[in-house]
N, C-alpha and C. Protein backbone atom coordinates (compact mmCIF):
# COMPACT_ATOMS: atom_id res chain seq x y z
N MET A 1 -34.03 -17.83 -8.72
CA MET A 1 -32.88 -17.10 -8.22
C MET A 1 -33.32 -15.82 -7.51
N PHE A 2 -34.60 -15.72 -7.21
CA PHE A 2 -35.06 -14.54 -6.51
C PHE A 2 -34.81 -14.69 -5.03
N GLY A 3 -34.64 -13.57 -4.38
CA GLY A 3 -34.34 -13.56 -2.96
C GLY A 3 -35.26 -12.60 -2.24
N ASN A 4 -34.74 -12.03 -1.20
CA ASN A 4 -35.54 -11.16 -0.37
C ASN A 4 -34.87 -9.80 -0.21
N VAL A 5 -34.14 -9.37 -1.24
CA VAL A 5 -33.39 -8.12 -1.18
C VAL A 5 -34.18 -7.01 -1.86
N LYS A 6 -34.20 -5.85 -1.25
CA LYS A 6 -34.83 -4.68 -1.87
C LYS A 6 -33.85 -4.04 -2.85
N ILE A 7 -34.41 -3.31 -3.81
CA ILE A 7 -33.56 -2.65 -4.80
C ILE A 7 -32.54 -1.74 -4.13
N LYS A 8 -32.95 -0.98 -3.12
CA LYS A 8 -31.99 -0.07 -2.48
C LYS A 8 -30.82 -0.84 -1.88
N ASP A 9 -31.07 -2.05 -1.38
CA ASP A 9 -29.98 -2.85 -0.80
C ASP A 9 -29.09 -3.43 -1.89
N ALA A 10 -29.67 -3.85 -3.00
CA ALA A 10 -28.88 -4.35 -4.13
C ALA A 10 -28.00 -3.22 -4.69
N GLN A 11 -28.55 -2.02 -4.79
CA GLN A 11 -27.77 -0.88 -5.26
C GLN A 11 -26.59 -0.60 -4.33
N ARG A 12 -26.83 -0.72 -3.05
CA ARG A 12 -25.76 -0.51 -2.08
C ARG A 12 -24.70 -1.59 -2.20
N GLU A 13 -25.12 -2.85 -2.39
CA GLU A 13 -24.16 -3.96 -2.56
C GLU A 13 -23.28 -3.73 -3.79
N ILE A 14 -23.87 -3.23 -4.86
CA ILE A 14 -23.09 -2.95 -6.07
C ILE A 14 -22.07 -1.86 -5.78
N PHE A 15 -22.48 -0.82 -5.07
CA PHE A 15 -21.54 0.25 -4.72
C PHE A 15 -20.39 -0.29 -3.87
N LEU A 16 -20.70 -1.09 -2.89
CA LEU A 16 -19.66 -1.62 -2.01
C LEU A 16 -18.71 -2.57 -2.72
N LYS A 17 -19.22 -3.35 -3.66
CA LYS A 17 -18.38 -4.33 -4.36
C LYS A 17 -17.64 -3.71 -5.54
N ASP A 18 -18.35 -2.92 -6.36
CA ASP A 18 -17.76 -2.45 -7.61
C ASP A 18 -17.36 -0.98 -7.59
N GLY A 19 -17.76 -0.23 -6.57
CA GLY A 19 -17.22 1.11 -6.37
C GLY A 19 -17.90 2.26 -7.09
N PHE A 20 -19.16 2.09 -7.49
CA PHE A 20 -19.89 3.19 -8.12
C PHE A 20 -21.37 3.02 -7.85
N ARG A 21 -22.09 4.12 -7.97
CA ARG A 21 -23.53 4.12 -7.67
C ARG A 21 -24.34 3.81 -8.93
N VAL A 22 -25.45 3.13 -8.69
CA VAL A 22 -26.36 2.76 -9.78
C VAL A 22 -27.80 2.97 -9.33
N ARG A 23 -28.70 3.01 -10.30
CA ARG A 23 -30.14 2.97 -10.05
C ARG A 23 -30.74 1.95 -11.01
N PHE A 24 -31.62 1.12 -10.51
CA PHE A 24 -32.33 0.15 -11.33
C PHE A 24 -33.37 0.86 -12.17
N VAL A 25 -33.54 0.40 -13.40
CA VAL A 25 -34.48 1.00 -14.34
C VAL A 25 -35.45 -0.08 -14.82
N LEU A 26 -36.72 0.28 -14.83
CA LEU A 26 -37.77 -0.64 -15.29
C LEU A 26 -37.77 -0.72 -16.82
N PRO A 27 -38.39 -1.76 -17.38
CA PRO A 27 -38.45 -1.89 -18.84
C PRO A 27 -39.07 -0.68 -19.55
N ASP A 28 -39.94 0.07 -18.87
CA ASP A 28 -40.55 1.25 -19.49
C ASP A 28 -39.65 2.49 -19.44
N GLY A 29 -38.45 2.34 -18.86
CA GLY A 29 -37.49 3.45 -18.80
C GLY A 29 -37.53 4.26 -17.53
N ASN A 30 -38.51 4.01 -16.67
CA ASN A 30 -38.60 4.74 -15.40
C ASN A 30 -37.70 4.10 -14.36
N LEU A 31 -37.25 4.93 -13.42
CA LEU A 31 -36.48 4.39 -12.31
C LEU A 31 -37.37 3.51 -11.45
N ALA A 32 -36.82 2.39 -11.01
CA ALA A 32 -37.55 1.47 -10.16
C ALA A 32 -37.64 2.03 -8.74
N ARG A 33 -38.75 1.75 -8.07
CA ARG A 33 -38.89 2.15 -6.67
C ARG A 33 -37.87 1.38 -5.84
N GLU A 34 -37.16 2.07 -5.00
CA GLU A 34 -36.09 1.45 -4.22
C GLU A 34 -36.61 0.49 -3.17
N GLU A 35 -37.88 0.56 -2.83
CA GLU A 35 -38.45 -0.34 -1.83
C GLU A 35 -38.91 -1.67 -2.43
N LEU A 36 -38.92 -1.77 -3.76
CA LEU A 36 -39.31 -3.01 -4.42
C LEU A 36 -38.37 -4.12 -3.98
N GLY A 37 -38.93 -5.26 -3.60
CA GLY A 37 -38.11 -6.35 -3.09
C GLY A 37 -38.19 -7.61 -3.93
N GLY A 38 -37.69 -8.70 -3.35
CA GLY A 38 -37.73 -9.99 -4.02
C GLY A 38 -36.56 -10.24 -4.95
N LEU A 39 -35.51 -9.46 -4.83
CA LEU A 39 -34.35 -9.61 -5.71
C LEU A 39 -33.27 -10.45 -5.05
N PRO A 40 -32.40 -11.06 -5.88
CA PRO A 40 -31.26 -11.76 -5.32
C PRO A 40 -30.18 -10.78 -4.88
N ARG A 41 -29.30 -11.22 -4.02
CA ARG A 41 -28.16 -10.42 -3.60
C ARG A 41 -27.19 -10.27 -4.77
N TYR A 42 -26.39 -9.24 -4.73
CA TYR A 42 -25.34 -9.02 -5.73
C TYR A 42 -24.11 -9.79 -5.26
N ARG A 43 -24.09 -11.06 -5.53
CA ARG A 43 -23.01 -11.93 -5.05
C ARG A 43 -21.92 -12.03 -6.10
N ARG A 44 -20.85 -11.33 -5.87
CA ARG A 44 -19.68 -11.37 -6.73
C ARG A 44 -18.46 -11.54 -5.84
N LEU A 45 -17.59 -12.45 -6.22
CA LEU A 45 -16.39 -12.69 -5.43
C LEU A 45 -15.36 -11.58 -5.58
N PHE A 46 -15.29 -11.02 -6.79
CA PHE A 46 -14.26 -10.04 -7.07
C PHE A 46 -14.88 -8.75 -7.60
N THR A 47 -14.14 -7.66 -7.42
CA THR A 47 -14.53 -6.38 -7.99
C THR A 47 -14.37 -6.46 -9.51
N ALA A 48 -15.25 -5.80 -10.24
CA ALA A 48 -15.15 -5.77 -11.70
C ALA A 48 -13.82 -5.16 -12.12
N ARG A 49 -13.29 -5.65 -13.24
CA ARG A 49 -12.00 -5.18 -13.75
C ARG A 49 -12.05 -3.69 -14.11
N ASP A 50 -10.95 -3.00 -13.86
CA ASP A 50 -10.85 -1.58 -14.19
C ASP A 50 -10.98 -1.31 -15.68
N ASP A 51 -10.51 -2.25 -16.53
CA ASP A 51 -10.54 -2.02 -17.98
C ASP A 51 -11.90 -2.34 -18.61
N MET A 52 -12.86 -2.74 -17.79
CA MET A 52 -14.20 -3.05 -18.28
C MET A 52 -14.95 -1.74 -18.51
N SER A 53 -15.72 -1.66 -19.59
CA SER A 53 -16.56 -0.48 -19.83
C SER A 53 -17.88 -0.63 -19.07
N VAL A 54 -18.59 0.46 -18.95
CA VAL A 54 -19.90 0.42 -18.30
C VAL A 54 -20.83 -0.51 -19.07
N THR A 55 -20.80 -0.45 -20.40
CA THR A 55 -21.64 -1.34 -21.20
C THR A 55 -21.31 -2.80 -20.93
N GLU A 56 -20.03 -3.12 -20.88
CA GLU A 56 -19.62 -4.50 -20.59
C GLU A 56 -20.04 -4.91 -19.19
N TRP A 57 -19.88 -4.01 -18.21
CA TRP A 57 -20.28 -4.32 -16.83
C TRP A 57 -21.77 -4.64 -16.78
N LYS A 58 -22.58 -3.83 -17.47
CA LYS A 58 -24.02 -4.07 -17.48
C LYS A 58 -24.35 -5.45 -18.03
N ALA A 59 -23.70 -5.83 -19.14
CA ALA A 59 -24.00 -7.11 -19.79
C ALA A 59 -23.46 -8.30 -19.03
N VAL A 60 -22.25 -8.17 -18.49
CA VAL A 60 -21.58 -9.31 -17.88
C VAL A 60 -21.93 -9.48 -16.40
N ARG A 61 -22.07 -8.40 -15.69
CA ARG A 61 -22.25 -8.51 -14.24
C ARG A 61 -23.68 -8.20 -13.78
N PHE A 62 -24.30 -7.19 -14.34
CA PHE A 62 -25.62 -6.78 -13.87
C PHE A 62 -26.73 -7.63 -14.46
N ALA A 63 -26.81 -7.71 -15.77
CA ALA A 63 -27.93 -8.38 -16.45
C ALA A 63 -28.04 -9.86 -16.08
N GLU A 64 -26.92 -10.47 -15.80
CA GLU A 64 -26.92 -11.89 -15.41
C GLU A 64 -27.68 -12.13 -14.11
N ILE A 65 -27.57 -11.19 -13.19
CA ILE A 65 -28.20 -11.34 -11.88
C ILE A 65 -29.60 -10.72 -11.85
N TYR A 66 -29.78 -9.65 -12.60
CA TYR A 66 -31.05 -8.91 -12.55
C TYR A 66 -31.70 -8.81 -13.94
N PRO A 67 -32.05 -9.95 -14.55
CA PRO A 67 -32.72 -9.89 -15.85
C PRO A 67 -34.06 -9.18 -15.70
N GLY A 68 -34.44 -8.47 -16.72
CA GLY A 68 -35.71 -7.73 -16.67
C GLY A 68 -35.54 -6.29 -16.21
N PHE A 69 -34.36 -5.95 -15.73
CA PHE A 69 -34.05 -4.58 -15.33
C PHE A 69 -32.93 -4.04 -16.21
N ASP A 70 -32.93 -2.74 -16.39
CA ASP A 70 -31.77 -2.04 -16.93
C ASP A 70 -31.17 -1.31 -15.73
N VAL A 71 -30.11 -0.58 -15.95
CA VAL A 71 -29.45 0.10 -14.85
C VAL A 71 -28.80 1.38 -15.37
N ARG A 72 -28.86 2.42 -14.56
CA ARG A 72 -28.13 3.66 -14.84
C ARG A 72 -26.94 3.69 -13.89
N VAL A 73 -25.81 4.04 -14.43
CA VAL A 73 -24.57 4.12 -13.66
C VAL A 73 -24.21 5.59 -13.53
N TYR A 74 -23.80 5.99 -12.33
CA TYR A 74 -23.54 7.40 -12.03
C TYR A 74 -22.10 7.63 -11.60
N ASP A 75 -21.57 8.78 -12.01
CA ASP A 75 -20.22 9.16 -11.57
C ASP A 75 -20.29 9.76 -10.17
N GLY A 76 -19.15 10.15 -9.67
CA GLY A 76 -19.06 10.69 -8.31
C GLY A 76 -19.81 11.98 -8.09
N ASN A 77 -20.16 12.67 -9.18
CA ASN A 77 -20.93 13.91 -9.09
C ASN A 77 -22.43 13.68 -9.21
N GLY A 78 -22.82 12.42 -9.42
CA GLY A 78 -24.24 12.09 -9.54
C GLY A 78 -24.79 12.18 -10.95
N SER A 79 -23.92 12.31 -11.94
CA SER A 79 -24.36 12.36 -13.34
C SER A 79 -24.30 10.97 -13.95
N ALA A 80 -25.31 10.63 -14.76
CA ALA A 80 -25.31 9.35 -15.46
C ALA A 80 -24.16 9.34 -16.46
N VAL A 81 -23.50 8.19 -16.60
CA VAL A 81 -22.36 8.08 -17.51
C VAL A 81 -22.73 7.27 -18.74
N LEU A 82 -21.98 7.46 -19.80
CA LEU A 82 -22.17 6.74 -21.04
C LEU A 82 -21.51 5.37 -20.98
N GLY A 83 -21.94 4.49 -21.83
CA GLY A 83 -21.49 3.11 -21.80
C GLY A 83 -20.03 2.88 -22.10
N GLN A 84 -19.38 3.77 -22.85
CA GLN A 84 -17.99 3.54 -23.21
C GLN A 84 -17.01 3.92 -22.10
N VAL A 85 -17.48 4.54 -21.03
CA VAL A 85 -16.62 4.93 -19.91
C VAL A 85 -16.04 3.68 -19.26
N LYS A 86 -14.74 3.71 -19.03
CA LYS A 86 -14.06 2.60 -18.35
C LYS A 86 -14.31 2.71 -16.85
N LEU A 87 -14.42 1.56 -16.19
CA LEU A 87 -14.67 1.56 -14.75
C LEU A 87 -13.56 2.24 -13.97
N SER A 88 -12.31 2.16 -14.45
CA SER A 88 -11.22 2.85 -13.75
C SER A 88 -11.46 4.35 -13.73
N ASP A 89 -11.92 4.92 -14.86
CA ASP A 89 -12.21 6.36 -14.91
C ASP A 89 -13.42 6.69 -14.05
N LEU A 90 -14.42 5.85 -14.10
CA LEU A 90 -15.63 6.05 -13.30
C LEU A 90 -15.30 6.07 -11.82
N ARG A 91 -14.57 5.06 -11.37
CA ARG A 91 -14.21 4.97 -9.94
C ARG A 91 -13.34 6.13 -9.50
N GLY A 92 -12.50 6.63 -10.41
CA GLY A 92 -11.62 7.74 -10.08
C GLY A 92 -12.37 9.03 -9.74
N GLY A 93 -13.63 9.11 -10.15
CA GLY A 93 -14.45 10.28 -9.87
C GLY A 93 -15.08 10.30 -8.50
N TYR A 94 -14.92 9.21 -7.77
CA TYR A 94 -15.48 9.15 -6.41
C TYR A 94 -14.40 9.55 -5.41
N VAL A 95 -14.75 10.46 -4.51
CA VAL A 95 -13.83 10.92 -3.48
C VAL A 95 -13.88 9.95 -2.33
N LYS A 96 -12.71 9.50 -1.91
CA LYS A 96 -12.67 8.61 -0.75
C LYS A 96 -12.76 9.45 0.51
N ARG A 97 -13.73 9.09 1.35
CA ARG A 97 -13.93 9.83 2.60
C ARG A 97 -13.51 8.95 3.76
N LYS A 98 -12.94 9.60 4.78
CA LYS A 98 -12.52 8.87 5.97
C LYS A 98 -13.64 8.71 6.95
């Protein structure tokens, strides 16, 4: 299921589909280099549900496509969020720009 997508592009696809920023994390806890490639695309037909928590999103949507990686999820101010945060609250922190 590997493809030719770089981490930075997968992160952008997640932002465009699910509405929040993420960074891939290596098993050792360090942030992954964004130029690392060979990943599959983030192919999701629908945006994740608003009532889903960050922890649930990681398990149901992220880990299924990117096994071997963890992920940090960030609010609109660039701060990492805790797992119990609902996606509706997370998305509400991003300012829509024209």
